[in-house]
Amino acid sequence: MSIQVMLPPEYDESLRTQVEDILDKAVKEVRQKTGIDSPWLSSKQSASKWLGISVETLNTLVLQGMPEHEKGGKYFYNKSEMTAFLKE
Protein backbone atom coordinates (compact mmCIF):
# COMPACT_ATOMS: atom_id res chain seq x y z
CA MET A 1 0.00 0.00 0.00
CA SER A 2 1.35 3.43 -0.88
CA ILE A 3 0.30 6.87 0.19
CA GLN A 4 0.08 9.63 -2.34
CA VAL A 5 0.05 13.30 -1.39
CA MET A 6 -1.19 15.83 -3.90
CA LEU A 7 0.16 19.33 -3.46
CA PRO A 8 -1.07 22.47 -5.18
CA PRO A 9 1.35 23.58 -7.93
CA GLU A 10 2.79 26.45 -5.88
CA TYR A 11 3.71 24.06 -3.03
CA ASP A 12 5.10 21.53 -5.46
CA GLU A 13 7.50 24.09 -6.94
CA SER A 14 8.49 25.38 -3.50
CA LEU A 15 9.23 21.87 -2.27
CA ARG A 16 11.26 21.11 -5.40
CA THR A 17 13.29 24.29 -4.91
CA GLN A 18 13.95 23.44 -1.25
CA VAL A 19 15.08 19.91 -2.10
CA GLU A 20 17.39 21.24 -4.85
CA ASP A 21 18.89 23.75 -2.42
CA ILE A 22 19.49 21.05 0.21
CA LEU A 23 21.14 18.77 -2.37
CA ASP A 24 23.30 21.61 -3.74
CA LYS A 25 24.52 22.46 -0.24
CA ALA A 26 25.23 18.80 0.56
CA VAL A 27 27.22 18.32 -2.66
CA LYS A 28 29.24 21.50 -2.03
CA GLU A 29 29.99 20.39 1.53
CA VAL A 30 31.14 16.94 0.40
CA ARG A 31 33.29 18.44 -2.36
CA GLN A 32 34.93 20.76 0.18
CA LYS A 33 35.48 18.03 2.79
CA THR A 34 36.98 15.61 0.29
CA GLY A 35 39.10 18.26 -1.44
CA ILE A 36 37.95 16.94 -4.80
CA ASP A 37 38.25 20.40 -6.34
CA SER A 38 41.64 21.09 -4.81
CA PRO A 39 44.55 21.42 -7.23
CA TRP A 40 46.69 19.47 -4.72
CA LEU A 41 46.87 15.80 -3.77
CA SER A 42 48.34 15.12 -0.35
CA SER A 43 49.87 11.67 -0.69
CA LYS A 44 51.53 9.29 -3.12
CA GLN A 45 48.48 7.05 -2.82
CA SER A 46 46.01 9.80 -3.74
CA ALA A 47 48.22 11.01 -6.62
CA SER A 48 48.62 7.52 -8.03
CA LYS A 49 44.88 6.88 -7.67
CA TRP A 50 44.07 10.19 -9.41
CA LEU A 51 46.39 9.23 -12.27
CA GLY A 52 45.13 5.64 -12.36
CA ILE A 53 48.59 4.16 -11.83
CA SER A 54 50.44 2.29 -9.10
CA VAL A 55 52.60 4.02 -6.49
CA GLU A 56 55.60 2.28 -8.06
CA THR A 57 54.78 3.84 -11.44
CA LEU A 58 54.35 7.23 -9.77
CA ASN A 59 57.80 6.85 -8.20
CA THR A 60 59.24 6.05 -11.64
CA LEU A 61 57.61 9.17 -13.11
CA VAL A 62 59.04 11.29 -10.27
CA LEU A 63 62.50 9.91 -11.03
CA GLN A 64 61.92 10.96 -14.64
CA GLY A 65 61.13 14.52 -13.54
CA MET A 66 57.47 14.68 -12.56
CA PRO A 67 57.13 17.47 -9.96
CA GLU A 68 56.84 16.30 -6.37
CA HIS A 69 56.70 18.60 -3.36
CA GLU A 70 57.84 17.54 0.10
CA LYS A 71 57.22 19.20 3.42
CA GLY A 72 57.96 17.58 6.75
CA GLY A 73 58.35 14.14 5.23
CA LYS A 74 54.96 14.35 3.51
CA TYR A 75 54.64 14.44 -0.28
CA PHE A 76 52.28 16.66 -2.25
CA TYR A 77 51.41 16.66 -5.92
CA ASN A 78 49.86 19.39 -8.05
CA LYS A 79 47.31 18.10 -10.56
CA SER A 80 48.11 20.67 -13.25
CA GLU A 81 51.88 20.10 -12.89
CA MET A 82 51.42 16.35 -13.27
CA THR A 83 49.13 16.82 -16.26
CA ALA A 84 51.63 19.17 -17.93
CA PHE A 85 54.48 16.71 -17.27
CA LEU A 86 52.55 13.83 -18.83
CA LYS A 87 51.68 15.93 -21.90
CA GLU A 88 55.36 16.64 -22.57
C-alpha atoms as a PDB file:
ATOM      1  CA  MET A   1       0.000   0.000   0.000  1.00  0.00           C
ATOM      2  CA  SER A   2       1.351   3.432  -0.884  1.00  0.00           C
ATOM      3  CA  ILE A   3       0.300   6.868   0.188  1.00  0.00           C
ATOM      4  CA  GLN A   4       0.076   9.632  -2.341  1.00  0.00           C
ATOM      5  CA  VAL A   5       0.045  13.302  -1.393  1.00  0.00           C
ATOM      6  CA  MET A   6      -1.193  15.833  -3.899  1.00  0.00           C
ATOM      7  CA  LEU A   7       0.156  19.334  -3.462  1.00  0.00           C
ATOM      8  CA  PRO A   8      -1.069  22.467  -5.178  1.00  0.00           C
ATOM      9  CA  PRO A   9       1.349  23.578  -7.930  1.00  0.00           C
ATOM     10  CA  GLU A  10       2.786  26.450  -5.875  1.00  0.00           C
ATOM     11  CA  TYR A  11       3.715  24.055  -3.030  1.00  0.00           C
ATOM     12  CA  ASP A  12       5.099  21.529  -5.458  1.00  0.00           C
ATOM     13  CA  GLU A  13       7.499  24.094  -6.938  1.00  0.00           C
ATOM     14  CA  SER A  14       8.491  25.382  -3.500  1.00  0.00           C
ATOM     15  CA  LEU A  15       9.233  21.866  -2.271  1.00  0.00           C
ATOM     16  CA  ARG A  16      11.255  21.107  -5.400  1.00  0.00           C
ATOM     17  CA  THR A  17      13.294  24.289  -4.907  1.00  0.00           C
ATOM     18  CA  GLN A  18      13.951  23.440  -1.248  1.00  0.00           C
ATOM     19  CA  VAL A  19      15.081  19.908  -2.097  1.00  0.00           C
ATOM     20  CA  GLU A  20      17.385  21.236  -4.852  1.00  0.00           C
ATOM     21  CA  ASP A  21      18.891  23.746  -2.416  1.00  0.00           C
ATOM     22  CA  ILE A  22      19.489  21.046   0.206  1.00  0.00           C
ATOM     23  CA  LEU A  23      21.137  18.775  -2.366  1.00  0.00           C
ATOM     24  CA  ASP A  24      23.304  21.605  -3.737  1.00  0.00           C
ATOM     25  CA  LYS A  25      24.524  22.463  -0.237  1.00  0.00           C
ATOM     26  CA  ALA A  26      25.225  18.804   0.559  1.00  0.00           C
ATOM     27  CA  VAL A  27      27.220  18.318  -2.658  1.00  0.00           C
ATOM     28  CA  LYS A  28      29.243  21.496  -2.030  1.00  0.00           C
ATOM     29  CA  GLU A  29      29.994  20.389   1.533  1.00  0.00           C
ATOM     30  CA  VAL A  30      31.144  16.942   0.405  1.00  0.00           C
ATOM     31  CA  ARG A  31      33.292  18.443  -2.361  1.00  0.00           C
ATOM     32  CA  GLN A  32      34.932  20.757   0.179  1.00  0.00           C
ATOM     33  CA  LYS A  33      35.483  18.031   2.793  1.00  0.00           C
ATOM     34  CA  THR A  34      36.984  15.613   0.291  1.00  0.00           C
ATOM     35  CA  GLY A  35      39.103  18.260  -1.439  1.00  0.00           C
ATOM     36  CA  ILE A  36      37.953  16.937  -4.802  1.00  0.00           C
ATOM     37  CA  ASP A  37      38.247  20.401  -6.340  1.00  0.00           C
ATOM     38  CA  SER A  38      41.640  21.092  -4.807  1.00  0.00           C
ATOM     39  CA  PRO A  39      44.547  21.415  -7.232  1.00  0.00           C
ATOM     40  CA  TRP A  40      46.687  19.467  -4.724  1.00  0.00           C
ATOM     41  CA  LEU A  41      46.872  15.802  -3.765  1.00  0.00           C
ATOM     42  CA  SER A  42      48.340  15.116  -0.351  1.00  0.00           C
ATOM     43  CA  SER A  43      49.870  11.666  -0.695  1.00  0.00           C
ATOM     44  CA  LYS A  44      51.531   9.290  -3.115  1.00  0.00           C
ATOM     45  CA  GLN A  45      48.477   7.052  -2.819  1.00  0.00           C
ATOM     46  CA  SER A  46      46.011   9.803  -3.745  1.00  0.00           C
ATOM     47  CA  ALA A  47      48.224  11.015  -6.615  1.00  0.00           C
ATOM     48  CA  SER A  48      48.618   7.521  -8.035  1.00  0.00           C
ATOM     49  CA  LYS A  49      44.881   6.881  -7.665  1.00  0.00           C
ATOM     50  CA  TRP A  50      44.073  10.186  -9.409  1.00  0.00           C
ATOM     51  CA  LEU A  51      46.394   9.225 -12.267  1.00  0.00           C
ATOM     52  CA  GLY A  52      45.131   5.644 -12.359  1.00  0.00           C
ATOM     53  CA  ILE A  53      48.585   4.161 -11.832  1.00  0.00           C
ATOM     54  CA  SER A  54      50.441   2.294  -9.096  1.00  0.00           C
ATOM     55  CA  VAL A  55      52.596   4.025  -6.493  1.00  0.00           C
ATOM     56  CA  GLU A  56      55.595   2.284  -8.064  1.00  0.00           C
ATOM     57  CA  THR A  57      54.781   3.842 -11.444  1.00  0.00           C
ATOM     58  CA  LEU A  58      54.354   7.231  -9.766  1.00  0.00           C
ATOM     59  CA  ASN A  59      57.804   6.847  -8.197  1.00  0.00           C
ATOM     60  CA  THR A  60      59.239   6.049 -11.637  1.00  0.00           C
ATOM     61  CA  LEU A  61      57.605   9.171 -13.106  1.00  0.00           C
ATOM     62  CA  VAL A  62      59.036  11.291 -10.272  1.00  0.00           C
ATOM     63  CA  LEU A  63      62.498   9.906 -11.029  1.00  0.00           C
ATOM     64  CA  GLN A  64      61.918  10.964 -14.643  1.00  0.00           C
ATOM     65  CA  GLY A  65      61.131  14.521 -13.536  1.00  0.00           C
ATOM     66  CA  MET A  66      57.475  14.680 -12.555  1.00  0.00           C
ATOM     67  CA  PRO A  67      57.131  17.471  -9.961  1.00  0.00           C
ATOM     68  CA  GLU A  68      56.843  16.301  -6.367  1.00  0.00           C
ATOM     69  CA  HIS A  69      56.700  18.596  -3.357  1.00  0.00           C
ATOM     70  CA  GLU A  70      57.844  17.538   0.098  1.00  0.00           C
ATOM     71  CA  LYS A  71      57.219  19.199   3.425  1.00  0.00           C
ATOM     72  CA  GLY A  72      57.964  17.579   6.747  1.00  0.00           C
ATOM     73  CA  GLY A  73      58.346  14.144   5.230  1.00  0.00           C
ATOM     74  CA  LYS A  74      54.960  14.350   3.507  1.00  0.00           C
ATOM     75  CA  TYR A  75      54.642  14.437  -0.277  1.00  0.00           C
ATOM     76  CA  PHE A  76      52.282  16.663  -2.254  1.00  0.00           C
ATOM     77  CA  TYR A  77      51.413  16.664  -5.925  1.00  0.00           C
ATOM     78  CA  ASN A  78      49.859  19.389  -8.054  1.00  0.00           C
ATOM     79  CA  LYS A  79      47.310  18.101 -10.560  1.00  0.00           C
ATOM     80  CA  SER A  80      48.111  20.672 -13.250  1.00  0.00           C
ATOM     81  CA  GLU A  81      51.880  20.099 -12.887  1.00  0.00           C
ATOM     82  CA  MET A  82      51.420  16.347 -13.267  1.00  0.00           C
ATOM     83  CA  THR A  83      49.133  16.824 -16.257  1.00  0.00           C
ATOM     84  CA  ALA A  84      51.634  19.168 -17.927  1.00  0.00           C
ATOM     85  CA  PHE A  85      54.476  16.713 -17.272  1.00  0.00           C
ATOM     86  CA  LEU A  86      52.550  13.834 -18.833  1.00  0.00           C
ATOM     87  CA  LYS A  87      51.676  15.926 -21.899  1.00  0.00           C
ATOM     88  CA  GLU A  88      55.360  16.640 -22.571  1.00  0.00           C
END
